[in-house]
Structures are given as structure tokens and as C-alpha cells.
Amino acid sequence: MNADRRGQDAEATTLQLLLRPYCLLCLEAEHMLALAGVAAFERVDIERDPALEARYGTVIPVLRRADGAELAWPFSPAQVRALVAFAR
């Protein structure tokens, strides 16, 4: 595995986008991630987990790092890059 791929894998396990299926704001959030240059992240459907549903039901989409830092919608590509950069 090359260094670039390892970096993407680490980024994917570090970043989660909490969302719901068919959520238009969630699609916009994915677009912000693309604009920020973030290609690898885990999509987490909060409807599959009652605890996540209870906590994030009205505030999705939320971008979350493995260390617990969160960025709630709305967010910009610059804010996404800052969240990712701080984790490195």
C-alpha cells in the first residue's frame, strides 16, 4: 500500500458524516467535503442507531472526527479543511 492510500484510509476512519438517507442537506454536505478535497470518509446513517438518532436527529448533517470533534451544518470547505488539518 502506498503512502497516499494509507493517508486516505486514515482519513476515512477519522472522519464520519452523520446523515439520513434522502437528506438534501446531507448531499450538500458531501459536496462541501468534495470541494474541501476530502474524498474518503465514512457515511453513518443515524436511523440505524437509536443513540445517534436521539442525539443528532434534528442537527444532521454533522461531520465528526474520531477524537469527538464535530462540525455541524452548515459548514464551508474551509471549515472542513481546518477540521481535517487539526486532526493530523
Foldseek 3Di string as FASTA:
>chain_A
DDPVVVVLVLLALFKEWEDAPPDPVSVVVVVQCVVLVNDHHHYHDQVVPPVSCVVCVPFDGWMAGPVGDIDTPPDHSVVVNVVSVVVD
